[in-house]
Amino acid sequence: MAELTYLTQDGLDKLKLEIHELKTKERSAVANAIAEAREKGDLSENAEYDAAKEAQSLLELKISQLENLLVNSRLVDDSTMDNSKVFILSFVKLLNKKNNLSVTYQIVSEKEANIKLSKISVDSPIGKGLLGKKVGDVVSINIPVGVVEFEILEITR
């Protein structure tokens, strides 16, 4: 059985758009590349044709994987979620106890994670360490640079 992925509305919309673009624009571009390579003659010794067919295979694999992800995705409605504990889609304001700096992250699915946007995966060490915790809790999380203590200052949606 495939693993469920929880997505925000924004994440779901982006996934659908990506699938649509791959099926329309990218498929068309690959088909054109195959047609151009065919026109160049003998297919048994045509490297361009082989490369275009390989690109087509990779594109179809990617479309299949994204469609599978879509089928196994669930939309998370954050309007009904409670802010007393950290869950997926929570915005969590943390205080790093070592350097006294605060940071806010949103806990999201692996597919939506983007550290530049302060969105961390629920499956990351920090995401896993925060799940189920409450405001005021101090958690020790083992990250690549070592163990870091964070205090949860605020949980919002």
C-alpha atoms as a PDB file:
ATOM      1  CA  MET A   1       0.000   0.000   0.000  1.00  0.00           C
ATOM      2  CA  ALA A   2       1.276   3.454  -0.885  1.00  0.00           C
ATOM      3  CA  GLU A   3       2.118   5.927   1.843  1.00  0.00           C
ATOM      4  CA  LEU A   4      -0.329   8.800   2.382  1.00  0.00           C
ATOM      5  CA  THR A   5       0.950  12.320   1.846  1.00  0.00           C
ATOM      6  CA  TYR A   6      -0.812  15.228   3.526  1.00  0.00           C
ATOM      7  CA  LEU A   7      -0.906  18.418   1.488  1.00  0.00           C
ATOM      8  CA  THR A   8      -2.131  21.943   1.957  1.00  0.00           C
ATOM      9  CA  GLN A   9      -4.476  23.395  -0.656  1.00  0.00           C
ATOM     10  CA  ASP A  10      -1.507  25.289  -2.092  1.00  0.00           C
ATOM     11  CA  GLY A  11       0.576  22.115  -2.283  1.00  0.00           C
ATOM     12  CA  LEU A  12      -2.267  20.207  -3.931  1.00  0.00           C
ATOM     13  CA  ASP A  13      -2.787  22.975  -6.493  1.00  0.00           C
ATOM     14  CA  LYS A  14       0.944  23.024  -7.330  1.00  0.00           C
ATOM     15  CA  LEU A  15       0.997  19.239  -7.747  1.00  0.00           C
ATOM     16  CA  LYS A  16      -1.988  19.320 -10.113  1.00  0.00           C
ATOM     17  CA  LEU A  17      -0.397  22.150 -12.109  1.00  0.00           C
ATOM     18  CA  GLU A  18       2.892  20.272 -12.403  1.00  0.00           C
ATOM     19  CA  ILE A  19       1.107  17.158 -13.687  1.00  0.00           C
ATOM     20  CA  HIS A  20      -0.856  19.248 -16.185  1.00  0.00           C
ATOM     21  CA  GLU A  21       2.304  20.975 -17.476  1.00  0.00           C
ATOM     22  CA  LEU A  22       4.129  17.664 -17.854  1.00  0.00           C
ATOM     23  CA  LYS A  23       1.221  16.097 -19.730  1.00  0.00           C
ATOM     24  CA  THR A  24       0.734  19.017 -22.081  1.00  0.00           C
ATOM     25  CA  LYS A  25       3.879  21.061 -22.695  1.00  0.00           C
ATOM     26  CA  GLU A  26       6.534  18.481 -21.853  1.00  0.00           C
ATOM     27  CA  ARG A  27       4.861  15.582 -23.691  1.00  0.00           C
ATOM     28  CA  SER A  28       4.503  17.799 -26.747  1.00  0.00           C
ATOM     29  CA  ALA A  29       8.163  18.833 -26.617  1.00  0.00           C
ATOM     30  CA  VAL A  30       9.320  15.207 -26.322  1.00  0.00           C
ATOM     31  CA  ALA A  31       7.045  14.116 -29.178  1.00  0.00           C
ATOM     32  CA  ASN A  32       8.526  16.873 -31.353  1.00  0.00           C
ATOM     33  CA  ALA A  33      12.065  15.773 -30.474  1.00  0.00           C
ATOM     34  CA  ILE A  34      11.221  12.174 -31.426  1.00  0.00           C
ATOM     35  CA  ALA A  35       9.664  13.306 -34.714  1.00  0.00           C
ATOM     36  CA  GLU A  36      12.725  15.427 -35.580  1.00  0.00           C
ATOM     37  CA  ALA A  37      15.074  12.554 -34.796  1.00  0.00           C
ATOM     38  CA  ARG A  38      13.007  10.161 -36.952  1.00  0.00           C
ATOM     39  CA  GLU A  39      13.375  12.496 -39.915  1.00  0.00           C
ATOM     40  CA  LYS A  40      17.156  12.114 -39.763  1.00  0.00           C
ATOM     41  CA  GLY A  41      17.072   8.593 -41.144  1.00  0.00           C
ATOM     42  CA  ASP A  42      18.205   5.198 -39.893  1.00  0.00           C
ATOM     43  CA  LEU A  43      16.877   4.791 -36.349  1.00  0.00           C
ATOM     44  CA  SER A  44      19.281   1.961 -35.478  1.00  0.00           C
ATOM     45  CA  GLU A  45      22.240   4.369 -35.456  1.00  0.00           C
ATOM     46  CA  ASN A  46      20.468   7.544 -34.430  1.00  0.00           C
ATOM     47  CA  ALA A  47      21.671   8.794 -31.021  1.00  0.00           C
ATOM     48  CA  GLU A  48      19.211  11.700 -31.049  1.00  0.00           C
ATOM     49  CA  TYR A  49      16.308   9.282 -31.450  1.00  0.00           C
ATOM     50  CA  ASP A  50      17.580   7.108 -28.585  1.00  0.00           C
ATOM     51  CA  ALA A  51      17.982  10.181 -26.365  1.00  0.00           C
ATOM     52  CA  ALA A  52      14.491  11.434 -27.207  1.00  0.00           C
ATOM     53  CA  LYS A  53      12.970   8.014 -26.462  1.00  0.00           C
ATOM     54  CA  GLU A  54      14.860   7.928 -23.147  1.00  0.00           C
ATOM     55  CA  ALA A  55      13.544  11.411 -22.302  1.00  0.00           C
ATOM     56  CA  GLN A  56      10.033  10.194 -23.113  1.00  0.00           C
ATOM     57  CA  SER A  57      10.437   7.216 -20.771  1.00  0.00           C
ATOM     58  CA  LEU A  58      11.687   9.423 -17.942  1.00  0.00           C
ATOM     59  CA  LEU A  59       8.856  11.905 -18.487  1.00  0.00           C
ATOM     60  CA  GLU A  60       6.211   9.164 -18.384  1.00  0.00           C
ATOM     61  CA  LEU A  61       7.789   7.759 -15.218  1.00  0.00           C
ATOM     62  CA  LYS A  62       7.689  11.185 -13.553  1.00  0.00           C
ATOM     63  CA  ILE A  63       4.042  11.696 -14.570  1.00  0.00           C
ATOM     64  CA  SER A  64       3.170   8.269 -13.196  1.00  0.00           C
ATOM     65  CA  GLN A  65       4.927   8.990  -9.889  1.00  0.00           C
ATOM     66  CA  LEU A  66       3.203  12.368  -9.489  1.00  0.00           C
ATOM     67  CA  GLU A  67      -0.205  10.903 -10.349  1.00  0.00           C
ATOM     68  CA  ASN A  68       0.410   8.179  -7.763  1.00  0.00           C
ATOM     69  CA  LEU A  69       1.311  10.861  -5.227  1.00  0.00           C
ATOM     70  CA  LEU A  70      -1.888  12.733  -6.090  1.00  0.00           C
ATOM     71  CA  VAL A  71      -4.034   9.620  -5.660  1.00  0.00           C
ATOM     72  CA  ASN A  72      -2.438   8.949  -2.271  1.00  0.00           C
ATOM     73  CA  SER A  73      -2.659  12.546  -1.043  1.00  0.00           C
ATOM     74  CA  ARG A  74      -5.065  13.913   1.492  1.00  0.00           C
ATOM     75  CA  LEU A  75      -5.977  17.559   1.788  1.00  0.00           C
ATOM     76  CA  VAL A  76      -5.430  18.894   5.295  1.00  0.00           C
ATOM     77  CA  ASP A  77      -8.014  21.421   6.454  1.00  0.00           C
ATOM     78  CA  ASP A  78      -6.192  23.552   9.003  1.00  0.00           C
ATOM     79  CA  SER A  79      -9.359  25.444   9.991  1.00  0.00           C
ATOM     80  CA  THR A  80     -10.514  22.507  12.127  1.00  0.00           C
ATOM     81  CA  MET A  81      -7.157  21.789  13.767  1.00  0.00           C
ATOM     82  CA  ASP A  82      -6.384  22.628  17.349  1.00  0.00           C
ATOM     83  CA  ASN A  83      -3.405  24.818  18.266  1.00  0.00           C
ATOM     84  CA  SER A  84      -2.673  23.261  21.640  1.00  0.00           C
ATOM     85  CA  LYS A  85      -0.128  20.850  20.117  1.00  0.00           C
ATOM     86  CA  VAL A  86       2.171  20.791  17.098  1.00  0.00           C
ATOM     87  CA  PHE A  87       0.646  18.985  14.105  1.00  0.00           C
ATOM     88  CA  ILE A  88       1.242  19.049  10.383  1.00  0.00           C
ATOM     89  CA  LEU A  89       0.551  22.590   9.053  1.00  0.00           C
ATOM     90  CA  SER A  90       1.322  24.181  12.420  1.00  0.00           C
ATOM     91  CA  PHE A  91       3.416  27.325  12.473  1.00  0.00           C
ATOM     92  CA  VAL A  92       5.802  26.872  15.392  1.00  0.00           C
ATOM     93  CA  LYS A  93       7.859  29.678  16.886  1.00  0.00           C
ATOM     94  CA  LEU A  94      10.952  28.223  18.535  1.00  0.00           C
ATOM     95  CA  LEU A  95      13.675  29.610  20.752  1.00  0.00           C
ATOM     96  CA  ASN A  96      17.088  28.045  20.286  1.00  0.00           C
ATOM     97  CA  LYS A  97      18.250  27.723  23.907  1.00  0.00           C
ATOM     98  CA  LYS A  98      21.949  27.726  22.948  1.00  0.00           C
ATOM     99  CA  ASN A  99      22.122  30.984  20.976  1.00  0.00           C
ATOM    100  CA  ASN A 100      18.871  32.590  22.195  1.00  0.00           C
ATOM    101  CA  LEU A 101      17.615  33.166  18.622  1.00  0.00           C
ATOM    102  CA  SER A 102      14.014  32.544  17.652  1.00  0.00           C
ATOM    103  CA  VAL A 103      12.780  31.079  14.390  1.00  0.00           C
ATOM    104  CA  THR A 104       9.353  30.161  13.026  1.00  0.00           C
ATOM    105  CA  TYR A 105       8.755  27.071  10.902  1.00  0.00           C
ATOM    106  CA  GLN A 106       5.682  25.584   9.321  1.00  0.00           C
ATOM    107  CA  ILE A 107       5.470  21.808   9.563  1.00  0.00           C
ATOM    108  CA  VAL A 108       4.505  20.444   6.121  1.00  0.00           C
ATOM    109  CA  SER A 109       4.679  17.236   4.073  1.00  0.00           C
ATOM    110  CA  GLU A 110       7.955  16.137   2.506  1.00  0.00           C
ATOM    111  CA  LYS A 111       6.650  17.248  -0.913  1.00  0.00           C
ATOM    112  CA  GLU A 112       6.035  20.825   0.282  1.00  0.00           C
ATOM    113  CA  ALA A 113       9.181  21.258   2.383  1.00  0.00           C
ATOM    114  CA  ASN A 114      11.294  24.299   1.460  1.00  0.00           C
ATOM    115  CA  ILE A 115      13.740  25.613   4.038  1.00  0.00           C
ATOM    116  CA  LYS A 116      14.024  28.955   2.197  1.00  0.00           C
ATOM    117  CA  LEU A 117      10.314  29.478   2.919  1.00  0.00           C
ATOM    118  CA  SER A 118      10.708  28.184   6.506  1.00  0.00           C
ATOM    119  CA  LYS A 119       8.661  25.086   5.654  1.00  0.00           C
ATOM    120  CA  ILE A 120      10.158  21.952   7.175  1.00  0.00           C
ATOM    121  CA  SER A 121       9.120  18.375   6.582  1.00  0.00           C
ATOM    122  CA  VAL A 122       7.120  16.521   9.163  1.00  0.00           C
ATOM    123  CA  ASP A 123       9.640  13.706   8.536  1.00  0.00           C
ATOM    124  CA  SER A 124      12.721  15.850   9.257  1.00  0.00           C
ATOM    125  CA  PRO A 125      14.474  15.543  12.634  1.00  0.00           C
ATOM    126  CA  ILE A 126      13.051  18.888  13.793  1.00  0.00           C
ATOM    127  CA  GLY A 127       9.572  18.082  12.444  1.00  0.00           C
ATOM    128  CA  LYS A 128       9.523  14.692  14.164  1.00  0.00           C
ATOM    129  CA  GLY A 129      10.871  16.203  17.385  1.00  0.00           C
ATOM    130  CA  LEU A 130       8.141  18.861  17.518  1.00  0.00           C
ATOM    131  CA  LEU A 131       5.073  16.750  16.701  1.00  0.00           C
ATOM    132  CA  GLY A 132       2.666  16.504  19.603  1.00  0.00           C
ATOM    133  CA  LYS A 133       4.538  19.024  21.763  1.00  0.00           C
ATOM    134  CA  LYS A 134       2.908  22.030  23.482  1.00  0.00           C
ATOM    135  CA  VAL A 135       3.805  25.673  24.105  1.00  0.00           C
ATOM    136  CA  GLY A 136       6.437  25.843  26.842  1.00  0.00           C
ATOM    137  CA  ASP A 137       7.883  22.390  26.097  1.00  0.00           C
ATOM    138  CA  VAL A 138      11.648  22.201  25.692  1.00  0.00           C
ATOM    139  CA  VAL A 139      12.738  19.556  23.205  1.00  0.00           C
ATOM    140  CA  SER A 140      16.207  18.220  22.462  1.00  0.00           C
ATOM    141  CA  ILE A 141      16.579  17.425  18.779  1.00  0.00           C
ATOM    142  CA  ASN A 142      19.501  15.660  17.177  1.00  0.00           C
ATOM    143  CA  ILE A 143      20.327  17.533  13.969  1.00  0.00           C
ATOM    144  CA  PRO A 144      23.449  17.204  11.764  1.00  0.00           C
ATOM    145  CA  VAL A 145      25.408  19.767  13.829  1.00  0.00           C
ATOM    146  CA  GLY A 146      24.573  17.993  17.105  1.00  0.00           C
ATOM    147  CA  VAL A 147      21.844  18.072  19.723  1.00  0.00           C
ATOM    148  CA  VAL A 148      19.984  21.387  19.961  1.00  0.00           C
ATOM    149  CA  GLU A 149      17.421  22.389  22.569  1.00  0.00           C
ATOM    150  CA  PHE A 150      14.388  24.333  21.416  1.00  0.00           C
ATOM    151  CA  GLU A 151      11.647  25.866  23.523  1.00  0.00           C
ATOM    152  CA  ILE A 152       8.247  26.093  21.868  1.00  0.00           C
ATOM    153  CA  LEU A 153       7.108  29.701  22.229  1.00  0.00           C
ATOM    154  CA  GLU A 154       3.989  29.714  20.061  1.00  0.00           C
ATOM    155  CA  ILE A 155       1.827  27.428  17.907  1.00  0.00           C
ATOM    156  CA  THR A 156      -0.491  28.928  15.286  1.00  0.00           C
ATOM    157  CA  ARG A 157      -2.286  27.947  12.089  1.00  0.00           C
END
